[in-house]
Amino acid sequence: MNTEKDFYQILGVSRDAPLLAIKAKYRELSARYHPDSSGGSADVDRFDDVVKAYKTLSNPKKRKAYDDEIRGGVVSNLRVTATKVVKKYFEEQLRG
């Protein structure tokens, strides 16, 4: 699963958005950025992102896996940060 890009942000929907809201934003954005109606390569890249986001968020199993992966990454980052803070605290206590 690709969690480098925030699919919710790409579609402009909240994390608890219902499927109907996701579909509506997909239709709006795909029409705007579709390669046949836009000229720039940035729009083509944006269209690809919109399609990937929709394919993931419109499928309940893929959406759950994506959400779980995002939460796992956040928890992992928090754990690493907490470990660094505690380590630094004890290093300072031992020095001082």
Protein backbone atom coordinates (compact mmCIF):
# COMPACT_ATOMS: atom_id res chain seq x y z
CA MET A 1 0.00 0.00 0.00
CA ASN A 2 1.25 3.47 -0.85
CA THR A 3 1.04 5.86 2.10
CA GLU A 4 3.46 8.46 0.78
CA LYS A 5 0.54 10.54 -0.49
CA ASP A 6 -2.53 11.33 1.56
CA PHE A 7 -5.42 9.99 -0.49
CA TYR A 8 -7.95 11.85 1.65
CA GLN A 9 -6.18 15.12 0.97
CA ILE A 10 -5.90 14.36 -2.75
CA LEU A 11 -9.66 13.92 -2.98
CA GLY A 12 -10.39 16.73 -0.52
CA VAL A 13 -12.51 14.60 1.80
CA SER A 14 -12.37 13.92 5.52
CA ARG A 15 -11.09 10.63 6.90
CA ASP A 16 -14.62 9.63 7.87
CA ALA A 17 -16.18 10.61 4.53
CA PRO A 18 -18.91 8.27 3.29
CA LEU A 19 -18.57 6.52 -0.04
CA LEU A 20 -21.03 8.90 -1.71
CA ALA A 21 -18.84 11.91 -0.83
CA ILE A 22 -15.74 10.10 -2.10
CA LYS A 23 -17.50 9.27 -5.38
CA ALA A 24 -18.72 12.84 -5.83
CA LYS A 25 -15.23 14.31 -5.31
CA TYR A 26 -13.73 11.69 -7.61
CA ARG A 27 -16.15 12.58 -10.39
CA GLU A 28 -15.47 16.29 -9.94
CA LEU A 29 -11.68 15.96 -9.86
CA SER A 30 -11.40 13.33 -12.57
CA ALA A 31 -13.41 15.53 -14.94
CA ARG A 32 -11.20 18.51 -14.10
CA TYR A 33 -7.86 16.73 -14.49
CA HIS A 34 -8.69 14.14 -17.16
CA PRO A 35 -5.93 14.04 -19.82
CA ASP A 36 -8.45 14.55 -22.63
CA SER A 37 -9.71 17.81 -21.14
CA SER A 38 -6.51 19.25 -19.68
CA GLY A 39 -3.25 20.00 -21.34
CA GLY A 40 -0.49 19.98 -18.77
CA SER A 41 1.58 17.06 -17.55
CA ALA A 42 0.94 18.23 -13.99
CA ASP A 43 -2.76 17.65 -14.59
CA VAL A 44 -2.05 14.14 -15.86
CA ASP A 45 -0.06 13.40 -12.72
CA ARG A 46 -2.85 14.85 -10.61
CA PHE A 47 -5.39 12.71 -12.50
CA ASP A 48 -3.32 9.59 -11.77
CA ASP A 49 -3.25 10.51 -8.07
CA VAL A 50 -7.02 11.05 -8.05
CA VAL A 51 -7.61 7.64 -9.67
CA LYS A 52 -5.28 5.87 -7.20
CA ALA A 53 -6.93 7.62 -4.27
CA TYR A 54 -10.40 6.71 -5.47
CA LYS A 55 -9.51 3.08 -6.17
CA THR A 56 -8.19 2.75 -2.63
CA LEU A 57 -10.81 4.72 -0.70
CA SER A 58 -13.84 3.37 -2.60
CA ASN A 59 -12.96 -0.24 -1.77
CA PRO A 60 -13.76 -1.02 1.89
CA LYS A 61 -10.96 -3.60 2.27
CA LYS A 62 -8.34 -1.40 0.61
CA ARG A 63 -9.51 1.63 2.60
CA LYS A 64 -9.20 -0.25 5.89
CA ALA A 65 -5.72 -1.48 4.97
CA TYR A 66 -4.70 2.06 3.96
CA ASP A 67 -6.10 3.54 7.19
CA ASP A 68 -4.41 0.85 9.28
CA GLU A 69 -1.09 1.49 7.54
CA ILE A 70 -1.38 5.25 8.13
CA ARG A 71 -2.20 4.72 11.81
CA GLY A 72 0.66 2.23 12.11
CA GLY A 73 3.08 4.74 10.63
CA VAL A 74 1.92 7.45 13.01
CA VAL A 75 2.20 5.14 16.00
CA SER A 76 5.64 4.02 14.87
CA ASN A 77 6.80 7.64 14.47
CA LEU A 78 5.44 8.52 17.91
CA ARG A 79 7.21 5.53 19.42
CA VAL A 80 10.53 6.54 17.86
CA THR A 81 10.09 10.14 19.02
CA ALA A 82 9.20 9.08 22.56
CA THR A 83 12.21 6.78 22.68
CA LYS A 84 14.49 9.62 21.61
CA VAL A 85 13.03 11.98 24.23
CA VAL A 86 13.41 9.44 27.03
CA LYS A 87 16.95 8.57 25.96
CA LYS A 88 17.95 12.24 25.85
CA TYR A 89 16.39 12.84 29.27
CA PHE A 90 18.32 10.01 30.89
CA GLU A 91 21.57 11.01 29.17
CA GLU A 92 21.17 14.52 30.58
CA GLN A 93 20.40 13.12 34.04
CA LEU A 94 23.54 10.98 33.99
CA ARG A 95 25.71 13.94 32.90
CA GLY A 96 24.27 16.45 35.27
